[in-house]
Amino acid sequence: MQIRLLVVGKTDHSAIQSLCEEYSKRLNFYVKFNLEVIPDLKNTKSLSESIQKEKEGELILNKLGAQDDMILLDENGKSFSSLDFSVYLQKKMNSGIKQLTFVIGGPYGFSESVYQQAKGKISFSKMTFSHQMIRPFVIEQIYRAFTILRNEPYHHQ
């Protein structure tokens, strides 16, 4: 299985980029992982929130293949402890899927068409994080899950 994190919009914040790179590098020791950025839409000031979500949704869906199992990072999704998340990932690996794609939407979330094609939703907190800030959290938690599955000393319970 491969894991991909698909995100809308690049980040200019060097600390966020650095953390994403660090944990991506660590994670690639366990599984083929890549972070893919969908470029920001242009001229969004003239677009309504719903139109922006629709346009971003089209870009997200265009990046998916038949082999993708798409999981949305969404405030209304299922919450996991780190241990439970590792079990969730193990079940996904055991199911035989080729690619697990986690998706972080833009500032307004996802379009209805993206929700309809998703295989699930995960919430990382009841708190709201920027769509930039959540990126290193997600990658770190995927990395943590693999260390838990391998009984490595990274995670302390």
N, C-alpha and C. Protein backbone atom coordinates (compact mmCIF):
# COMPACT_ATOMS: atom_id res chain seq x y z
N MET A 1 0.84 -1.19 0.00
CA MET A 1 0.00 0.00 0.00
C MET A 1 0.88 1.24 0.00
N GLN A 2 0.43 2.25 -0.71
CA GLN A 2 1.07 3.56 -0.70
C GLN A 2 0.14 4.52 0.02
N ILE A 3 0.74 5.55 0.61
CA ILE A 3 -0.05 6.58 1.28
C ILE A 3 0.30 7.92 0.65
N ARG A 4 -0.73 8.68 0.37
CA ARG A 4 -0.54 10.01 -0.19
C ARG A 4 -1.35 11.00 0.64
N LEU A 5 -0.77 12.17 0.86
CA LEU A 5 -1.48 13.28 1.47
C LEU A 5 -1.67 14.32 0.39
N LEU A 6 -2.90 14.53 0.01
CA LEU A 6 -3.26 15.49 -1.04
C LEU A 6 -3.78 16.74 -0.36
N VAL A 7 -3.17 17.89 -0.66
CA VAL A 7 -3.53 19.14 0.02
C VAL A 7 -3.81 20.23 -1.00
N VAL A 8 -4.71 21.11 -0.63
CA VAL A 8 -5.05 22.25 -1.49
C VAL A 8 -4.23 23.45 -1.04
N GLY A 9 -3.43 23.99 -1.93
CA GLY A 9 -2.67 25.21 -1.67
C GLY A 9 -1.32 24.94 -1.05
N LYS A 10 -0.34 25.69 -1.53
CA LYS A 10 1.01 25.54 -0.98
C LYS A 10 1.14 26.36 0.28
N THR A 11 2.18 26.07 1.03
CA THR A 11 2.47 26.87 2.21
C THR A 11 3.79 27.57 2.02
N ASP A 12 3.85 28.83 2.42
CA ASP A 12 5.09 29.60 2.35
C ASP A 12 5.82 29.58 3.68
N HIS A 13 5.23 28.97 4.68
CA HIS A 13 5.82 28.97 6.01
C HIS A 13 6.92 27.91 6.08
N SER A 14 8.15 28.33 6.24
CA SER A 14 9.29 27.41 6.18
C SER A 14 9.28 26.38 7.30
N ALA A 15 8.79 26.74 8.48
CA ALA A 15 8.75 25.79 9.59
C ALA A 15 7.78 24.64 9.29
N ILE A 16 6.64 24.97 8.71
CA ILE A 16 5.67 23.93 8.33
C ILE A 16 6.26 23.04 7.25
N GLN A 17 6.89 23.65 6.25
CA GLN A 17 7.52 22.87 5.18
C GLN A 17 8.60 21.95 5.74
N SER A 18 9.38 22.46 6.65
CA SER A 18 10.47 21.69 7.24
C SER A 18 9.94 20.48 8.02
N LEU A 19 8.90 20.69 8.83
CA LEU A 19 8.30 19.58 9.57
C LEU A 19 7.70 18.53 8.64
N CYS A 20 7.03 18.98 7.60
CA CYS A 20 6.47 18.03 6.62
C CYS A 20 7.56 17.20 5.98
N GLU A 21 8.65 17.85 5.60
CA GLU A 21 9.76 17.14 4.97
C GLU A 21 10.40 16.15 5.95
N GLU A 22 10.60 16.56 7.19
CA GLU A 22 11.22 15.69 8.19
C GLU A 22 10.40 14.43 8.43
N TYR A 23 9.10 14.59 8.66
CA TYR A 23 8.27 13.42 8.94
C TYR A 23 7.98 12.60 7.69
N SER A 24 7.96 13.23 6.53
CA SER A 24 7.82 12.47 5.27
C SER A 24 9.02 11.56 5.08
N LYS A 25 10.20 12.09 5.35
CA LYS A 25 11.43 11.32 5.23
C LYS A 25 11.40 10.12 6.19
N ARG A 26 11.00 10.35 7.42
CA ARG A 26 10.91 9.27 8.40
C ARG A 26 9.88 8.23 7.98
N LEU A 27 8.74 8.70 7.50
CA LEU A 27 7.64 7.82 7.14
C LEU A 27 8.00 6.93 5.95
N ASN A 28 8.78 7.45 5.02
CA ASN A 28 9.16 6.66 3.84
C ASN A 28 10.01 5.45 4.19
N PHE A 29 10.51 5.38 5.40
CA PHE A 29 11.21 4.19 5.86
C PHE A 29 10.24 3.01 5.98
N TYR A 30 8.96 3.28 6.27
CA TYR A 30 7.96 2.25 6.52
C TYR A 30 7.04 1.98 5.33
N VAL A 31 6.74 3.03 4.57
CA VAL A 31 5.75 2.92 3.51
C VAL A 31 6.06 3.99 2.46
N LYS A 32 5.69 3.71 1.22
CA LYS A 32 5.86 4.74 0.20
C LYS A 32 4.84 5.84 0.47
N PHE A 33 5.35 7.04 0.72
CA PHE A 33 4.50 8.18 1.09
C PHE A 33 4.88 9.39 0.25
N ASN A 34 3.87 10.12 -0.17
CA ASN A 34 4.17 11.41 -0.80
C ASN A 34 3.11 12.44 -0.47
N LEU A 35 3.57 13.66 -0.41
CA LEU A 35 2.72 14.83 -0.17
C LEU A 35 2.56 15.51 -1.52
N GLU A 36 1.31 15.67 -1.95
CA GLU A 36 1.05 16.29 -3.24
C GLU A 36 0.20 17.55 -3.03
N VAL A 37 0.66 18.64 -3.60
CA VAL A 37 0.00 19.94 -3.44
C VAL A 37 -0.77 20.28 -4.70
N ILE A 38 -2.05 20.59 -4.52
CA ILE A 38 -2.86 21.13 -5.60
C ILE A 38 -2.72 22.64 -5.53
N PRO A 39 -2.30 23.29 -6.61
CA PRO A 39 -2.08 24.75 -6.54
C PRO A 39 -3.34 25.52 -6.14
N ASP A 40 -3.11 26.64 -5.46
CA ASP A 40 -4.21 27.52 -5.07
C ASP A 40 -4.96 28.00 -6.30
N LEU A 41 -6.26 28.20 -6.12
CA LEU A 41 -7.04 28.83 -7.19
C LEU A 41 -6.63 30.28 -7.33
N LYS A 42 -6.75 30.80 -8.52
CA LYS A 42 -6.44 32.21 -8.78
C LYS A 42 -7.72 33.04 -8.66
N ASN A 43 -7.57 34.29 -8.27
CA ASN A 43 -8.66 35.27 -8.21
C ASN A 43 -9.86 34.77 -7.39
N THR A 44 -9.59 34.29 -6.18
CA THR A 44 -10.67 33.75 -5.35
C THR A 44 -11.52 34.84 -4.71
N LYS A 45 -11.04 36.07 -4.70
CA LYS A 45 -11.83 37.15 -4.10
C LYS A 45 -13.17 37.34 -4.81
N SER A 46 -13.19 37.01 -6.10
CA SER A 46 -14.43 37.18 -6.87
C SER A 46 -15.32 35.92 -6.81
N LEU A 47 -14.86 34.87 -6.10
CA LEU A 47 -15.63 33.63 -6.03
C LEU A 47 -16.34 33.51 -4.68
N SER A 48 -17.55 32.98 -4.73
CA SER A 48 -18.25 32.70 -3.48
C SER A 48 -17.60 31.47 -2.83
N GLU A 49 -17.89 31.28 -1.57
CA GLU A 49 -17.36 30.13 -0.84
C GLU A 49 -17.74 28.82 -1.51
N SER A 50 -19.00 28.69 -1.92
CA SER A 50 -19.46 27.44 -2.54
C SER A 50 -18.81 27.20 -3.90
N ILE A 51 -18.62 28.26 -4.68
CA ILE A 51 -17.96 28.11 -6.00
C ILE A 51 -16.50 27.71 -5.79
N GLN A 52 -15.85 28.30 -4.80
CA GLN A 52 -14.46 27.96 -4.53
C GLN A 52 -14.36 26.48 -4.12
N LYS A 53 -15.26 26.02 -3.27
CA LYS A 53 -15.25 24.61 -2.86
C LYS A 53 -15.48 23.69 -4.07
N GLU A 54 -16.39 24.09 -4.96
CA GLU A 54 -16.66 23.27 -6.15
C GLU A 54 -15.44 23.18 -7.05
N LYS A 55 -14.78 24.31 -7.29
CA LYS A 55 -13.59 24.32 -8.14
C LYS A 55 -12.44 23.52 -7.52
N GLU A 56 -12.24 23.67 -6.22
CA GLU A 56 -11.22 22.88 -5.53
C GLU A 56 -11.59 21.40 -5.57
N GLY A 57 -12.88 21.12 -5.42
CA GLY A 57 -13.36 19.74 -5.46
C GLY A 57 -13.06 19.07 -6.79
N GLU A 58 -13.25 19.81 -7.88
CA GLU A 58 -12.93 19.27 -9.21
C GLU A 58 -11.45 18.93 -9.31
N LEU A 59 -10.60 19.82 -8.78
CA LEU A 59 -9.15 19.58 -8.81
C LEU A 59 -8.78 18.35 -7.97
N ILE A 60 -9.42 18.20 -6.82
CA ILE A 60 -9.16 17.03 -5.96
C ILE A 60 -9.56 15.75 -6.69
N LEU A 61 -10.78 15.72 -7.21
CA LEU A 61 -11.29 14.51 -7.85
C LEU A 61 -10.49 14.15 -9.10
N ASN A 62 -9.95 15.16 -9.79
CA ASN A 62 -9.11 14.90 -10.97
C ASN A 62 -7.79 14.22 -10.61
N LYS A 63 -7.39 14.34 -9.36
CA LYS A 63 -6.13 13.73 -8.90
C LYS A 63 -6.30 12.28 -8.45
N LEU A 64 -7.54 11.82 -8.38
CA LEU A 64 -7.80 10.47 -7.88
C LEU A 64 -7.85 9.47 -9.01
N GLY A 65 -7.33 8.29 -8.72
CA GLY A 65 -7.43 7.18 -9.65
C GLY A 65 -8.35 6.12 -9.07
N ALA A 66 -8.60 5.10 -9.86
CA ALA A 66 -9.50 4.03 -9.43
C ALA A 66 -8.94 3.31 -8.21
N GLN A 67 -7.62 3.33 -8.03
CA GLN A 67 -6.98 2.62 -6.93
C GLN A 67 -7.00 3.41 -5.62
N ASP A 68 -7.44 4.65 -5.65
CA ASP A 68 -7.40 5.49 -4.45
C ASP A 68 -8.55 5.21 -3.50
N ASP A 69 -8.21 5.08 -2.23
CA ASP A 69 -9.18 5.02 -1.15
C ASP A 69 -9.07 6.39 -0.47
N MET A 70 -10.01 7.29 -0.75
CA MET A 70 -9.92 8.68 -0.30
C MET A 70 -10.55 8.86 1.07
N ILE A 71 -9.74 9.40 1.99
CA ILE A 71 -10.18 9.72 3.35
C ILE A 71 -10.02 11.22 3.56
N LEU A 72 -11.09 11.88 3.93
CA LEU A 72 -11.06 13.33 4.13
C LEU A 72 -10.69 13.67 5.56
N LEU A 73 -9.88 14.70 5.72
CA LEU A 73 -9.62 15.24 7.05
C LEU A 73 -10.66 16.33 7.25
N ASP A 74 -11.60 16.07 8.13
CA ASP A 74 -12.79 16.89 8.24
C ASP A 74 -13.18 17.01 9.71
N GLU A 75 -13.58 18.18 10.12
CA GLU A 75 -13.92 18.42 11.53
C GLU A 75 -15.06 17.53 12.02
N ASN A 76 -15.88 17.02 11.11
CA ASN A 76 -17.00 16.16 11.50
C ASN A 76 -16.69 14.68 11.34
N GLY A 77 -15.42 14.37 11.16
CA GLY A 77 -15.02 12.98 10.96
C GLY A 77 -14.86 12.23 12.27
N LYS A 78 -14.47 10.97 12.15
CA LYS A 78 -14.25 10.10 13.31
C LYS A 78 -12.93 10.48 13.97
N SER A 79 -12.94 10.52 15.29
CA SER A 79 -11.74 10.81 16.07
C SER A 79 -11.09 9.50 16.51
N PHE A 80 -9.79 9.49 16.56
CA PHE A 80 -9.01 8.33 16.97
C PHE A 80 -7.98 8.73 18.01
N SER A 81 -7.64 7.81 18.89
CA SER A 81 -6.41 7.95 19.66
C SER A 81 -5.29 7.51 18.70
N SER A 82 -4.05 7.76 19.07
CA SER A 82 -2.94 7.34 18.22
C SER A 82 -2.92 5.81 18.07
N LEU A 83 -3.21 5.10 19.14
CA LEU A 83 -3.26 3.63 19.07
C LEU A 83 -4.38 3.16 18.14
N ASP A 84 -5.54 3.76 18.28
CA ASP A 84 -6.67 3.39 17.42
C ASP A 84 -6.39 3.72 15.95
N PHE A 85 -5.70 4.83 15.72
CA PHE A 85 -5.36 5.20 14.35
C PHE A 85 -4.40 4.18 13.75
N SER A 86 -3.47 3.66 14.56
CA SER A 86 -2.55 2.64 14.04
C SER A 86 -3.31 1.38 13.65
N VAL A 87 -4.32 1.01 14.43
CA VAL A 87 -5.15 -0.15 14.10
C VAL A 87 -5.93 0.13 12.81
N TYR A 88 -6.44 1.34 12.67
CA TYR A 88 -7.16 1.74 11.46
C TYR A 88 -6.26 1.58 10.23
N LEU A 89 -5.02 2.07 10.33
CA LEU A 89 -4.08 1.94 9.20
C LEU A 89 -3.76 0.48 8.91
N GLN A 90 -3.59 -0.32 9.94
CA GLN A 90 -3.32 -1.75 9.74
C GLN A 90 -4.46 -2.41 8.99
N LYS A 91 -5.70 -2.08 9.36
CA LYS A 91 -6.86 -2.65 8.66
C LYS A 91 -6.88 -2.22 7.20
N LYS A 92 -6.53 -0.97 6.94
CA LYS A 92 -6.48 -0.49 5.55
C LYS A 92 -5.42 -1.28 4.77
N MET A 93 -4.26 -1.49 5.38
CA MET A 93 -3.20 -2.25 4.71
C MET A 93 -3.64 -3.69 4.45
N ASN A 94 -4.32 -4.28 5.42
CA ASN A 94 -4.78 -5.66 5.29
C ASN A 94 -5.89 -5.82 4.26
N SER A 95 -6.59 -4.73 3.95
CA SER A 95 -7.72 -4.80 3.02
C SER A 95 -7.26 -4.93 1.56
N GLY A 96 -5.99 -4.70 1.31
CA GLY A 96 -5.46 -4.87 -0.04
C GLY A 96 -5.58 -3.65 -0.95
N ILE A 97 -5.94 -2.50 -0.39
CA ILE A 97 -6.01 -1.31 -1.25
C ILE A 97 -4.61 -0.92 -1.71
N LYS A 98 -4.55 -0.34 -2.89
CA LYS A 98 -3.27 0.06 -3.48
C LYS A 98 -2.77 1.39 -2.92
N GLN A 99 -3.69 2.36 -2.83
CA GLN A 99 -3.28 3.69 -2.38
C GLN A 99 -4.32 4.29 -1.44
N LEU A 100 -3.84 4.70 -0.28
CA LEU A 100 -4.67 5.40 0.69
C LEU A 100 -4.35 6.88 0.56
N THR A 101 -5.35 7.67 0.22
CA THR A 101 -5.15 9.10 0.01
C THR A 101 -5.93 9.89 1.05
N PHE A 102 -5.18 10.56 1.91
CA PHE A 102 -5.78 11.50 2.86
C PHE A 102 -5.84 12.85 2.17
N VAL A 103 -6.94 13.59 2.36
CA VAL A 103 -7.10 14.87 1.68
C VAL A 103 -7.39 15.97 2.69
N ILE A 104 -6.61 17.04 2.57
CA ILE A 104 -6.85 18.27 3.34
C ILE A 104 -7.36 19.30 2.35
N GLY A 105 -8.57 19.77 2.56
CA GLY A 105 -9.18 20.73 1.65
C GLY A 105 -8.66 22.14 1.86
N GLY A 106 -9.27 23.04 1.15
CA GLY A 106 -8.93 24.45 1.27
C GLY A 106 -9.58 25.06 2.50
N PRO A 107 -9.54 26.37 2.61
CA PRO A 107 -10.03 27.04 3.82
C PRO A 107 -11.52 26.85 4.10
N TYR A 108 -12.31 26.50 3.09
CA TYR A 108 -13.75 26.34 3.28
C TYR A 108 -14.18 24.87 3.32
N GLY A 109 -13.25 23.96 3.25
CA GLY A 109 -13.60 22.55 3.30
C GLY A 109 -13.80 21.93 1.93
N PHE A 110 -14.74 20.99 1.85
CA PHE A 110 -14.92 20.18 0.65
C PHE A 110 -16.28 20.43 0.00
N SER A 111 -16.32 20.18 -1.29
CA SER A 111 -17.58 20.24 -2.03
C SER A 111 -18.37 18.96 -1.78
N GLU A 112 -19.65 19.00 -2.09
CA GLU A 112 -20.51 17.84 -1.91
C GLU A 112 -20.03 16.67 -2.77
N SER A 113 -19.52 16.93 -3.96
CA SER A 113 -19.06 15.85 -4.83
C SER A 113 -17.85 15.13 -4.24
N VAL A 114 -17.00 15.85 -3.50
CA VAL A 114 -15.86 15.21 -2.84
C VAL A 114 -16.36 14.35 -1.68
N TYR A 115 -17.30 14.88 -0.89
CA TYR A 115 -17.87 14.09 0.21
C TYR A 115 -18.49 12.79 -0.32
N GLN A 116 -19.15 12.86 -1.45
CA GLN A 116 -19.83 11.69 -2.00
C GLN A 116 -18.86 10.59 -2.42
N GLN A 117 -17.65 10.96 -2.83
CA GLN A 117 -16.69 9.96 -3.29
C GLN A 117 -15.75 9.48 -2.19
N ALA A 118 -15.80 10.13 -1.05
CA ALA A 118 -14.90 9.77 0.05
C ALA A 118 -15.28 8.43 0.65
N LYS A 119 -14.27 7.69 1.09
CA LYS A 119 -14.49 6.40 1.76
C LYS A 119 -14.56 6.57 3.28
N GLY A 120 -14.30 7.80 3.74
CA GLY A 120 -14.36 8.06 5.17
C GLY A 120 -13.90 9.46 5.50
N LYS A 121 -14.12 9.86 6.76
CA LYS A 121 -13.69 11.16 7.26
C LYS A 121 -13.04 10.96 8.61
N ILE A 122 -11.93 11.67 8.81
CA ILE A 122 -11.22 11.63 10.08
C ILE A 122 -11.09 13.05 10.61
N SER A 123 -11.31 13.20 11.91
CA SER A 123 -11.09 14.47 12.58
C SER A 123 -9.87 14.33 13.49
N PHE A 124 -8.97 15.27 13.42
CA PHE A 124 -7.79 15.24 14.27
C PHE A 124 -8.01 15.97 15.58
N SER A 125 -9.10 16.73 15.67
CA SER A 125 -9.39 17.46 16.90
C SER A 125 -10.75 18.13 16.77
N LYS A 126 -11.34 18.43 17.90
CA LYS A 126 -12.55 19.24 17.88
C LYS A 126 -12.19 20.71 17.62
N MET A 127 -10.93 21.03 17.84
CA MET A 127 -10.45 22.38 17.55
C MET A 127 -10.27 22.56 16.04
N THR A 128 -10.28 23.78 15.59
CA THR A 128 -10.04 24.08 14.18
C THR A 128 -8.58 24.47 14.00
N PHE A 129 -7.93 23.82 13.03
CA PHE A 129 -6.57 24.17 12.65
C PHE A 129 -6.60 24.70 11.22
N SER A 130 -5.64 25.54 10.89
CA SER A 130 -5.56 26.01 9.51
C SER A 130 -5.24 24.81 8.61
N HIS A 131 -5.65 24.91 7.35
CA HIS A 131 -5.37 23.81 6.43
C HIS A 131 -3.87 23.69 6.15
N GLN A 132 -3.10 24.69 6.55
CA GLN A 132 -1.64 24.60 6.46
C GLN A 132 -1.07 23.86 7.67
N MET A 133 -1.53 24.23 8.85
CA MET A 133 -0.97 23.73 10.10
C MET A 133 -1.23 22.24 10.31
N ILE A 134 -2.34 21.74 9.81
CA ILE A 134 -2.69 20.33 10.05
C ILE A 134 -1.76 19.38 9.30
N ARG A 135 -1.11 19.85 8.25
CA ARG A 135 -0.25 18.98 7.43
C ARG A 135 0.81 18.24 8.22
N PRO A 136 1.66 18.94 8.98
CA PRO A 136 2.67 18.18 9.72
C PRO A 136 2.06 17.28 10.80
N PHE A 137 0.90 17.67 11.36
CA PHE A 137 0.24 16.83 12.36
C PHE A 137 -0.17 15.49 11.74
N VAL A 138 -0.73 15.55 10.55
CA VAL A 138 -1.19 14.33 9.88
C VAL A 138 -0.01 13.42 9.56
N ILE A 139 1.03 13.99 8.98
CA ILE A 139 2.20 13.17 8.61
C ILE A 139 2.83 12.55 9.85
N GLU A 140 2.94 13.34 10.92
CA GLU A 140 3.52 12.82 12.15
C GLU A 140 2.67 11.69 12.71
N GLN A 141 1.36 11.81 12.67
CA GLN A 141 0.49 10.76 13.21
C GLN A 141 0.55 9.49 12.38
N ILE A 142 0.71 9.62 11.08
CA ILE A 142 0.88 8.42 10.24
C ILE A 142 2.21 7.75 10.59
N TYR A 143 3.25 8.56 10.74
CA TYR A 143 4.55 8.04 11.15
C TYR A 143 4.44 7.34 12.52
N ARG A 144 3.79 8.00 13.46
CA ARG A 144 3.60 7.45 14.81
C ARG A 144 2.87 6.10 14.73
N ALA A 145 1.86 6.03 13.88
CA ALA A 145 1.09 4.79 13.74
C ALA A 145 2.00 3.64 13.30
N PHE A 146 2.90 3.91 12.38
CA PHE A 146 3.80 2.85 11.92
C PHE A 146 4.79 2.44 13.01
N THR A 147 5.23 3.39 13.82
CA THR A 147 6.13 3.01 14.91
C THR A 147 5.39 2.19 15.97
N ILE A 148 4.11 2.49 16.18
CA ILE A 148 3.29 1.71 17.11
C ILE A 148 3.13 0.29 16.58
N LEU A 149 2.83 0.17 15.28
CA LEU A 149 2.63 -1.14 14.68
C LEU A 149 3.90 -2.00 14.74
N ARG A 150 5.04 -1.35 14.76
CA ARG A 150 6.33 -2.07 14.82
C ARG A 150 6.88 -2.18 16.25
N ASN A 151 6.09 -1.74 17.21
CA ASN A 151 6.51 -1.76 18.62
C ASN A 151 7.82 -1.02 18.85
N GLU A 152 8.00 0.08 18.16
CA GLU A 152 9.20 0.89 18.33
C GLU A 152 8.98 1.92 19.43
N PRO A 153 10.04 2.42 20.03
CA PRO A 153 9.90 3.25 21.24
C PRO A 153 9.50 4.71 21.02
N TYR A 154 9.03 5.08 19.87
CA TYR A 154 8.64 6.48 19.60
C TYR A 154 7.43 6.91 20.42
N HIS A 155 6.42 6.07 20.46
CA HIS A 155 5.16 6.40 21.15
C HIS A 155 5.21 5.91 22.60
N HIS A 156 4.83 6.76 23.52
CA HIS A 156 4.81 6.39 24.94
C HIS A 156 3.36 6.37 25.42
N GLN A 157 2.98 5.26 25.99
CA GLN A 157 1.59 5.13 26.45
C GLN A 157 1.54 5.23 27.95
